[in-house]
Amino acid sequence: MPYVSTFDRTQMMMCSWDSLVDPESIARIIDAFVNSLDLAKYGVKEVATEGRPSYNPKGMYKLYIYGSRKEIRSSRKLAESCKVNLEVKWLMGGAEPDFRTISDFRKDNIESMKGIFHEFNRRLSIRCSMLRTAFCHLLFIPKSPHNLYYLF
């Protein structure tokens, strides 16, 4: 009996990062939402001008929202996702912060993170009430007080 053919892992593959993420992925919704934000409005802490360049705060918020949606809460698991998950790699633009950086960002920006999560859920609930479709039930955030998760 023949097997399903597989690809040669040593062969070079040329494609865009954009083609690796499904057009209807939650990652695209998160990306559009965070890119539309004015982070200064939420009180995001300023980055240091000295030393190694810091990670883009928008990328870190994308990582946390995606982690919340996929029930990935641990900083170590989020850091691992940056290395192995194609959607997260796409969201982060290829950046791979370590777990301590992710944890410190959460600790330093907890208040702004709450505001951004509330805004995400607010926009999501407005959109779902406009759509009134069965699709919205797929976008609920498990174990969240604001259970909706869709953007525009």
N, C-alpha and C. Protein backbone atom coordinates (compact mmCIF):
# COMPACT_ATOMS: atom_id res chain seq x y z
N MET A 1 0.85 -1.17 0.00
CA MET A 1 0.00 0.00 0.00
C MET A 1 0.90 1.24 0.00
N PRO A 2 0.69 2.17 -0.92
CA PRO A 2 1.53 3.37 -0.98
C PRO A 2 1.19 4.34 0.16
N TYR A 3 2.19 5.08 0.56
CA TYR A 3 2.02 6.09 1.60
C TYR A 3 1.80 7.47 0.98
N VAL A 4 1.27 8.37 1.75
CA VAL A 4 1.13 9.75 1.32
C VAL A 4 2.54 10.31 1.18
N SER A 5 2.80 10.97 0.08
CA SER A 5 4.15 11.49 -0.15
C SER A 5 4.41 12.68 0.78
N THR A 6 5.62 12.79 1.22
CA THR A 6 6.05 13.87 2.10
C THR A 6 7.13 14.66 1.38
N PHE A 7 7.51 15.78 1.96
CA PHE A 7 8.54 16.60 1.33
C PHE A 7 9.93 16.23 1.84
N ASP A 8 10.91 16.61 1.07
CA ASP A 8 12.30 16.40 1.45
C ASP A 8 12.69 17.54 2.39
N ARG A 9 13.07 17.21 3.61
CA ARG A 9 13.35 18.25 4.61
C ARG A 9 14.61 19.04 4.33
N THR A 10 15.46 18.55 3.44
CA THR A 10 16.68 19.29 3.11
C THR A 10 16.46 20.25 1.95
N GLN A 11 15.29 20.19 1.33
CA GLN A 11 14.99 21.05 0.20
C GLN A 11 14.65 22.46 0.68
N MET A 12 15.14 23.45 -0.04
CA MET A 12 14.86 24.83 0.33
C MET A 12 13.42 25.18 -0.06
N MET A 13 12.75 25.92 0.83
CA MET A 13 11.37 26.33 0.58
C MET A 13 11.32 27.85 0.54
N MET A 14 10.76 28.37 -0.51
CA MET A 14 10.66 29.83 -0.63
C MET A 14 9.19 30.23 -0.57
N CYS A 15 8.82 30.94 0.49
CA CYS A 15 7.47 31.45 0.63
C CYS A 15 7.51 32.63 1.60
N SER A 16 6.45 33.40 1.61
CA SER A 16 6.39 34.54 2.52
C SER A 16 5.85 34.08 3.88
N TRP A 17 6.18 34.82 4.92
CA TRP A 17 5.63 34.52 6.25
C TRP A 17 4.13 34.68 6.23
N ASP A 18 3.67 35.63 5.46
CA ASP A 18 2.24 35.90 5.39
C ASP A 18 1.45 34.70 4.87
N SER A 19 2.05 33.93 3.97
CA SER A 19 1.35 32.78 3.41
C SER A 19 1.27 31.62 4.40
N LEU A 20 2.06 31.66 5.47
CA LEU A 20 2.06 30.58 6.46
C LEU A 20 0.97 30.75 7.52
N VAL A 21 0.32 31.92 7.53
CA VAL A 21 -0.73 32.19 8.52
C VAL A 21 -2.07 32.23 7.80
N ASP A 22 -3.00 31.45 8.30
CA ASP A 22 -4.33 31.36 7.70
C ASP A 22 -4.99 32.74 7.63
N PRO A 23 -5.64 33.06 6.53
CA PRO A 23 -6.30 34.38 6.41
C PRO A 23 -7.36 34.64 7.48
N GLU A 24 -7.94 33.61 8.06
CA GLU A 24 -8.96 33.79 9.08
C GLU A 24 -8.45 33.47 10.48
N SER A 25 -7.15 33.50 10.65
CA SER A 25 -6.54 33.18 11.94
C SER A 25 -6.78 34.30 12.96
N ILE A 26 -6.89 33.91 14.21
CA ILE A 26 -7.03 34.89 15.30
C ILE A 26 -5.79 35.78 15.37
N ALA A 27 -4.66 35.27 14.89
CA ALA A 27 -3.42 36.05 14.90
C ALA A 27 -3.57 37.31 14.05
N ARG A 28 -4.26 37.22 12.94
CA ARG A 28 -4.46 38.39 12.08
C ARG A 28 -5.37 39.43 12.76
N ILE A 29 -6.36 38.95 13.49
CA ILE A 29 -7.25 39.85 14.22
C ILE A 29 -6.48 40.58 15.31
N ILE A 30 -5.68 39.84 16.04
CA ILE A 30 -4.87 40.43 17.11
C ILE A 30 -3.90 41.45 16.53
N ASP A 31 -3.26 41.11 15.43
CA ASP A 31 -2.30 42.00 14.78
C ASP A 31 -2.97 43.31 14.38
N ALA A 32 -4.13 43.22 13.74
CA ALA A 32 -4.84 44.43 13.31
C ALA A 32 -5.26 45.28 14.51
N PHE A 33 -5.72 44.62 15.57
CA PHE A 33 -6.15 45.36 16.76
C PHE A 33 -4.98 46.11 17.40
N VAL A 34 -3.89 45.42 17.67
CA VAL A 34 -2.77 46.05 18.38
C VAL A 34 -2.13 47.14 17.52
N ASN A 35 -2.05 46.92 16.21
CA ASN A 35 -1.49 47.95 15.33
C ASN A 35 -2.36 49.20 15.28
N SER A 36 -3.64 49.08 15.58
CA SER A 36 -4.53 50.24 15.56
C SER A 36 -4.48 51.04 16.85
N LEU A 37 -3.80 50.54 17.87
CA LEU A 37 -3.79 51.20 19.18
C LEU A 37 -2.79 52.34 19.25
N ASP A 38 -3.14 53.35 20.05
CA ASP A 38 -2.21 54.39 20.45
C ASP A 38 -1.75 54.01 21.86
N LEU A 39 -0.57 53.40 21.96
CA LEU A 39 -0.12 52.87 23.24
C LEU A 39 0.09 53.94 24.30
N ALA A 40 0.40 55.16 23.88
CA ALA A 40 0.59 56.25 24.85
C ALA A 40 -0.69 56.48 25.65
N LYS A 41 -1.83 56.25 25.04
CA LYS A 41 -3.12 56.42 25.70
C LYS A 41 -3.29 55.46 26.88
N TYR A 42 -2.63 54.31 26.80
CA TYR A 42 -2.77 53.28 27.83
C TYR A 42 -1.66 53.33 28.89
N GLY A 43 -0.76 54.28 28.77
CA GLY A 43 0.28 54.44 29.79
C GLY A 43 1.38 53.40 29.72
N VAL A 44 1.76 53.02 28.52
CA VAL A 44 2.84 52.05 28.35
C VAL A 44 4.14 52.71 28.79
N LYS A 45 4.94 52.00 29.56
CA LYS A 45 6.19 52.57 30.08
C LYS A 45 7.18 52.82 28.95
N GLU A 46 7.91 53.90 29.09
CA GLU A 46 8.94 54.26 28.11
C GLU A 46 10.09 53.26 28.19
N VAL A 47 10.71 53.02 27.04
CA VAL A 47 11.85 52.10 27.01
C VAL A 47 13.13 52.86 27.29
N ALA A 48 14.12 52.16 27.79
CA ALA A 48 15.42 52.76 28.09
C ALA A 48 16.11 53.13 26.79
N THR A 49 16.83 54.24 26.80
CA THR A 49 17.55 54.67 25.61
C THR A 49 18.96 54.09 25.57
N GLU A 50 19.41 53.58 26.69
CA GLU A 50 20.77 53.02 26.77
C GLU A 50 20.70 51.50 26.71
N GLY A 51 21.83 50.91 26.37
CA GLY A 51 21.90 49.45 26.38
C GLY A 51 21.32 48.82 25.13
N ARG A 52 21.01 47.55 25.25
CA ARG A 52 20.47 46.78 24.13
C ARG A 52 19.08 47.29 23.77
N PRO A 53 18.75 47.36 22.48
CA PRO A 53 17.41 47.80 22.10
C PRO A 53 16.34 46.87 22.68
N SER A 54 15.23 47.45 23.08
CA SER A 54 14.15 46.64 23.66
C SER A 54 13.24 46.11 22.56
N TYR A 55 12.40 45.15 22.93
CA TYR A 55 11.43 44.61 22.00
C TYR A 55 10.29 45.60 21.84
N ASN A 56 9.67 45.60 20.68
CA ASN A 56 8.55 46.48 20.41
C ASN A 56 7.39 46.14 21.35
N PRO A 57 6.89 47.11 22.11
CA PRO A 57 5.79 46.81 23.03
C PRO A 57 4.55 46.29 22.32
N LYS A 58 4.31 46.71 21.09
CA LYS A 58 3.15 46.20 20.36
C LYS A 58 3.28 44.69 20.14
N GLY A 59 4.49 44.25 19.85
CA GLY A 59 4.73 42.82 19.68
C GLY A 59 4.48 42.06 20.97
N MET A 60 4.88 42.65 22.09
CA MET A 60 4.67 41.99 23.38
C MET A 60 3.18 41.91 23.72
N TYR A 61 2.42 42.96 23.41
CA TYR A 61 0.97 42.90 23.64
C TYR A 61 0.32 41.86 22.75
N LYS A 62 0.77 41.78 21.50
CA LYS A 62 0.25 40.75 20.60
C LYS A 62 0.50 39.36 21.18
N LEU A 63 1.70 39.17 21.71
CA LEU A 63 2.06 37.88 22.30
C LEU A 63 1.15 37.54 23.48
N TYR A 64 0.88 38.50 24.35
CA TYR A 64 0.03 38.25 25.52
C TYR A 64 -1.43 38.00 25.14
N ILE A 65 -1.93 38.75 24.17
CA ILE A 65 -3.32 38.53 23.75
C ILE A 65 -3.45 37.16 23.09
N TYR A 66 -2.48 36.82 22.24
CA TYR A 66 -2.51 35.51 21.59
C TYR A 66 -2.40 34.40 22.64
N GLY A 67 -1.50 34.57 23.60
CA GLY A 67 -1.35 33.58 24.66
C GLY A 67 -2.63 33.41 25.47
N SER A 68 -3.32 34.51 25.73
CA SER A 68 -4.58 34.43 26.46
C SER A 68 -5.61 33.65 25.65
N ARG A 69 -5.68 33.92 24.36
CA ARG A 69 -6.64 33.23 23.49
C ARG A 69 -6.36 31.73 23.41
N LYS A 70 -5.10 31.38 23.40
CA LYS A 70 -4.71 29.97 23.26
C LYS A 70 -4.42 29.31 24.61
N GLU A 71 -4.77 30.00 25.70
CA GLU A 71 -4.56 29.50 27.06
C GLU A 71 -3.09 29.19 27.37
N ILE A 72 -2.21 30.08 26.92
CA ILE A 72 -0.79 29.97 27.23
C ILE A 72 -0.47 31.12 28.17
N ARG A 73 -0.36 30.84 29.45
CA ARG A 73 -0.16 31.89 30.45
C ARG A 73 1.30 32.02 30.90
N SER A 74 2.03 30.94 30.88
CA SER A 74 3.40 30.91 31.39
C SER A 74 4.35 31.68 30.48
N SER A 75 5.22 32.48 31.07
CA SER A 75 6.22 33.22 30.30
C SER A 75 7.16 32.27 29.57
N ARG A 76 7.48 31.15 30.19
CA ARG A 76 8.36 30.17 29.53
C ARG A 76 7.67 29.55 28.32
N LYS A 77 6.37 29.26 28.43
CA LYS A 77 5.65 28.68 27.29
C LYS A 77 5.44 29.71 26.19
N LEU A 78 5.24 30.97 26.56
CA LEU A 78 5.15 32.02 25.55
C LEU A 78 6.47 32.17 24.81
N ALA A 79 7.58 32.11 25.54
CA ALA A 79 8.91 32.20 24.92
C ALA A 79 9.13 31.02 23.97
N GLU A 80 8.70 29.84 24.38
CA GLU A 80 8.84 28.66 23.51
C GLU A 80 7.97 28.82 22.26
N SER A 81 6.78 29.37 22.43
CA SER A 81 5.89 29.58 21.29
C SER A 81 6.51 30.53 20.26
N CYS A 82 7.29 31.49 20.73
CA CYS A 82 7.97 32.41 19.81
C CYS A 82 8.95 31.66 18.91
N LYS A 83 9.42 30.53 19.36
CA LYS A 83 10.41 29.76 18.58
C LYS A 83 9.77 28.71 17.69
N VAL A 84 8.63 28.12 18.10
CA VAL A 84 8.09 26.97 17.37
C VAL A 84 6.74 27.22 16.70
N ASN A 85 5.97 28.20 17.12
CA ASN A 85 4.64 28.43 16.58
C ASN A 85 4.72 29.46 15.45
N LEU A 86 4.30 29.07 14.25
CA LEU A 86 4.39 29.96 13.09
C LEU A 86 3.53 31.21 13.24
N GLU A 87 2.35 31.08 13.84
CA GLU A 87 1.50 32.25 14.04
C GLU A 87 2.16 33.26 14.97
N VAL A 88 2.78 32.76 16.04
CA VAL A 88 3.45 33.66 16.99
C VAL A 88 4.68 34.28 16.34
N LYS A 89 5.44 33.50 15.59
CA LYS A 89 6.59 34.04 14.87
C LYS A 89 6.15 35.17 13.95
N TRP A 90 5.02 34.96 13.26
CA TRP A 90 4.50 35.98 12.37
C TRP A 90 4.08 37.22 13.16
N LEU A 91 3.36 37.03 14.27
CA LEU A 91 2.93 38.17 15.09
C LEU A 91 4.12 38.98 15.61
N MET A 92 5.16 38.27 16.04
CA MET A 92 6.32 38.92 16.65
C MET A 92 7.34 39.41 15.62
N GLY A 93 7.09 39.14 14.36
CA GLY A 93 8.04 39.55 13.33
C GLY A 93 9.36 38.81 13.44
N GLY A 94 9.32 37.61 13.99
CA GLY A 94 10.53 36.80 14.13
C GLY A 94 11.30 37.04 15.42
N ALA A 95 10.88 38.00 16.22
CA ALA A 95 11.57 38.27 17.50
C ALA A 95 11.31 37.12 18.46
N GLU A 96 12.33 36.76 19.23
CA GLU A 96 12.21 35.66 20.19
C GLU A 96 12.68 36.10 21.58
N PRO A 97 11.85 36.87 22.29
CA PRO A 97 12.25 37.29 23.63
C PRO A 97 12.32 36.09 24.57
N ASP A 98 13.22 36.17 25.55
CA ASP A 98 13.30 35.07 26.51
C ASP A 98 12.21 35.23 27.57
N PHE A 99 12.06 34.19 28.38
CA PHE A 99 10.95 34.19 29.35
C PHE A 99 11.04 35.32 30.35
N ARG A 100 12.26 35.71 30.72
CA ARG A 100 12.42 36.78 31.71
C ARG A 100 11.97 38.13 31.13
N THR A 101 12.28 38.37 29.88
CA THR A 101 11.84 39.60 29.22
C THR A 101 10.33 39.66 29.16
N ILE A 102 9.70 38.54 28.81
CA ILE A 102 8.25 38.46 28.73
C ILE A 102 7.63 38.69 30.10
N SER A 103 8.20 38.07 31.11
CA SER A 103 7.70 38.21 32.48
C SER A 103 7.86 39.65 32.99
N ASP A 104 9.02 40.23 32.73
CA ASP A 104 9.26 41.60 33.17
C ASP A 104 8.33 42.59 32.48
N PHE A 105 8.05 42.35 31.21
CA PHE A 105 7.13 43.23 30.49
C PHE A 105 5.75 43.19 31.13
N ARG A 106 5.31 42.00 31.47
CA ARG A 106 3.99 41.85 32.12
C ARG A 106 3.99 42.58 33.46
N LYS A 107 5.05 42.40 34.23
CA LYS A 107 5.13 43.03 35.55
C LYS A 107 5.16 44.55 35.44
N ASP A 108 5.90 45.07 34.47
CA ASP A 108 6.06 46.52 34.33
C ASP A 108 4.85 47.21 33.69
N ASN A 109 4.04 46.47 32.96
CA ASN A 109 2.94 47.07 32.20
C ASN A 109 1.59 46.47 32.53
N ILE A 110 1.40 45.98 33.73
CA ILE A 110 0.18 45.28 34.08
C ILE A 110 -1.06 46.17 33.95
N GLU A 111 -0.97 47.43 34.33
CA GLU A 111 -2.13 48.32 34.24
C GLU A 111 -2.50 48.61 32.80
N SER A 112 -1.51 48.88 31.96
CA SER A 112 -1.82 49.14 30.55
C SER A 112 -2.35 47.88 29.88
N MET A 113 -1.85 46.73 30.30
CA MET A 113 -2.31 45.46 29.74
C MET A 113 -3.80 45.25 30.04
N LYS A 114 -4.22 45.59 31.25
CA LYS A 114 -5.64 45.46 31.61
C LYS A 114 -6.49 46.33 30.70
N GLY A 115 -6.05 47.56 30.48
CA GLY A 115 -6.80 48.47 29.62
C GLY A 115 -6.88 47.99 28.19
N ILE A 116 -5.79 47.44 27.69
CA ILE A 116 -5.76 46.94 26.31
C ILE A 116 -6.64 45.71 26.17
N PHE A 117 -6.61 44.82 27.15
CA PHE A 117 -7.48 43.64 27.11
C PHE A 117 -8.95 44.05 27.16
N HIS A 118 -9.28 45.04 27.98
CA HIS A 118 -10.67 45.52 28.05
C HIS A 118 -11.10 46.11 26.71
N GLU A 119 -10.22 46.89 26.09
CA GLU A 119 -10.55 47.49 24.80
C GLU A 119 -10.72 46.42 23.73
N PHE A 120 -9.86 45.41 23.75
CA PHE A 120 -9.97 44.31 22.79
C PHE A 120 -11.33 43.61 22.93
N ASN A 121 -11.69 43.32 24.15
CA ASN A 121 -12.97 42.65 24.40
C ASN A 121 -14.16 43.54 24.09
N ARG A 122 -14.02 44.84 24.33
CA ARG A 122 -15.10 45.78 24.02
C ARG A 122 -15.35 45.81 22.51
N ARG A 123 -14.28 45.95 21.75
CA ARG A 123 -14.43 45.99 20.29
C ARG A 123 -14.97 44.66 19.77
N LEU A 124 -14.54 43.62 20.38
CA LEU A 124 -14.99 42.29 19.98
C LEU A 124 -16.48 42.11 20.23
N SER A 125 -16.94 42.55 21.39
CA SER A 125 -18.35 42.39 21.71
C SER A 125 -19.22 43.24 20.78
N ILE A 126 -18.74 44.42 20.42
CA ILE A 126 -19.48 45.27 19.48
C ILE A 126 -19.57 44.57 18.13
N ARG A 127 -18.46 44.04 17.67
CA ARG A 127 -18.44 43.37 16.37
C ARG A 127 -19.35 42.14 16.36
N CYS A 128 -19.31 41.35 17.40
CA CYS A 128 -20.14 40.15 17.45
C CYS A 128 -21.61 40.49 17.56
N SER A 129 -21.94 41.57 18.26
CA SER A 129 -23.35 41.94 18.33
C SER A 129 -23.83 42.46 16.98
N MET A 130 -22.92 43.03 16.18
CA MET A 130 -23.28 43.47 14.84
C MET A 130 -23.45 42.27 13.91
N LEU A 131 -22.61 41.29 14.06
CA LEU A 131 -22.65 40.12 13.18
C LEU A 131 -23.82 39.20 13.52
N ARG A 132 -24.01 38.98 14.82
CA ARG A 132 -25.06 38.06 15.30
C ARG A 132 -25.00 36.72 14.57
N THR A 133 -23.81 36.16 14.51
CA THR A 133 -23.65 34.89 13.79
C THR A 133 -23.19 33.80 14.75
N ALA A 134 -23.30 32.59 14.27
CA ALA A 134 -22.82 31.45 15.05
C ALA A 134 -21.31 31.44 15.13
N PHE A 135 -20.64 32.19 14.22
CA PHE A 135 -19.18 32.24 14.22
C PHE A 135 -18.64 32.84 15.51
N CYS A 136 -19.37 33.77 16.11
CA CYS A 136 -18.88 34.45 17.30
C CYS A 136 -18.66 33.51 18.47
N HIS A 137 -19.43 32.43 18.57
CA HIS A 137 -19.23 31.53 19.70
C HIS A 137 -17.86 30.85 19.63
N LEU A 138 -17.24 30.81 18.46
CA LEU A 138 -15.90 30.22 18.33
C LEU A 138 -14.82 31.14 18.87
N LEU A 139 -15.16 32.40 19.07
CA LEU A 139 -14.17 33.39 19.44
C LEU A 139 -14.14 33.71 20.93
N PHE A 140 -14.84 32.94 21.73
CA PHE A 140 -14.85 33.19 23.16
C PHE A 140 -13.50 32.87 23.78
N ILE A 141 -13.11 33.67 24.77
CA ILE A 141 -11.89 33.41 25.52
C ILE A 141 -12.27 32.55 26.71
N PRO A 142 -11.74 31.35 26.82
CA PRO A 142 -12.07 30.53 27.98
C PRO A 142 -11.55 31.18 29.26
N LYS A 143 -12.28 31.03 30.33
CA LYS A 143 -11.89 31.48 31.67
C LYS A 143 -11.60 32.98 31.72
N SER A 144 -12.37 33.77 31.02
CA SER A 144 -12.17 35.21 31.04
C SER A 144 -13.48 35.90 31.43
N PRO A 145 -13.41 36.96 32.21
CA PRO A 145 -14.63 37.66 32.57
C PRO A 145 -15.26 38.36 31.37
N HIS A 146 -14.47 38.65 30.36
CA HIS A 146 -14.96 39.30 29.14
C HIS A 146 -14.78 38.30 28.02
N ASN A 147 -15.76 37.44 27.82
CA ASN A 147 -15.57 36.25 27.03
C ASN A 147 -15.48 36.39 25.52
N LEU A 148 -15.68 37.53 24.93
CA LEU A 148 -15.64 37.61 23.48
C LEU A 148 -14.25 37.93 22.95
N TYR A 149 -13.96 37.47 21.74
CA TYR A 149 -12.63 37.64 21.18
C TYR A 149 -12.64 37.78 19.67
N TYR A 150 -13.07 38.88 19.14
CA TYR A 150 -13.00 39.16 17.71
C TYR A 150 -12.89 40.67 17.57
N LEU A 151 -12.39 41.16 16.48
CA LEU A 151 -12.11 42.58 16.45
C LEU A 151 -13.01 43.38 15.51
N PHE A 152 -12.68 43.47 14.30
CA PHE A 152 -13.41 44.35 13.39
C PHE A 152 -14.45 43.55 12.70
